């Protein structure tokens, strides 16, 4: 029973970490696009 609970916790934490990485990747792309827009406006 304890082993099953541990497995479930590990799976939930793994999903949270992977989801967080995906979110940060998207935020990085948004920031990059914003920087490009500012750079293009300055030209």
Protein backbone atom coordinates (compact mmCIF):
# COMPACT_ATOMS: atom_id res chain seq x y z
CA UNK A 1 0.00 0.00 0.00
CA UNK A 2 2.80 2.42 0.87
CA UNK A 3 4.58 1.54 -2.35
CA UNK A 4 1.49 2.42 -4.40
CA UNK A 5 1.13 5.77 -2.62
CA UNK A 6 4.81 6.54 -3.23
CA UNK A 7 4.43 5.69 -6.90
CA UNK A 8 1.40 7.98 -7.19
CA UNK A 9 3.24 10.86 -5.51
CA UNK A 10 6.25 10.42 -7.80
CA UNK A 11 4.00 10.37 -10.87
CA UNK A 12 2.17 13.52 -9.77
CA UNK A 13 5.43 15.36 -9.08
CA UNK A 14 6.82 14.29 -12.45
CA UNK A 15 3.74 15.58 -14.22
CA UNK A 16 3.97 18.89 -12.37
CA UNK A 17 7.65 19.33 -13.24
CA UNK A 18 7.12 18.50 -16.90
CA UNK A 19 4.11 20.83 -17.08
CA UNK A 20 6.15 23.59 -15.47
CA UNK A 21 8.92 23.22 -18.04
CA UNK A 22 6.43 23.48 -20.85
CA UNK A 23 4.93 26.63 -19.31
CA UNK A 24 8.35 28.25 -18.90
CA UNK A 25 9.20 27.40 -22.51
CA UNK A 26 6.04 29.17 -23.68
CA UNK A 27 6.81 32.19 -21.51
CA UNK A 28 10.31 32.35 -22.99
CA UNK A 29 8.89 32.38 -26.50
CA UNK A 30 6.45 35.17 -25.59
CA UNK A 31 9.22 37.29 -24.10
CA UNK A 32 11.37 36.70 -27.18
CA UNK A 33 8.56 37.77 -29.50
CA UNK A 34 8.02 40.91 -27.40
CA UNK A 35 11.71 41.75 -27.67
CA UNK A 36 11.60 41.29 -31.45
CA UNK A 37 8.60 43.63 -31.69
CA UNK A 38 10.42 46.31 -29.68
CA UNK A 39 13.54 45.88 -31.80
CA UNK A 40 11.54 46.16 -35.03
CA UNK A 41 9.77 49.29 -33.76
CA UNK A 42 13.14 50.89 -32.96
CA UNK A 43 14.41 50.28 -36.51
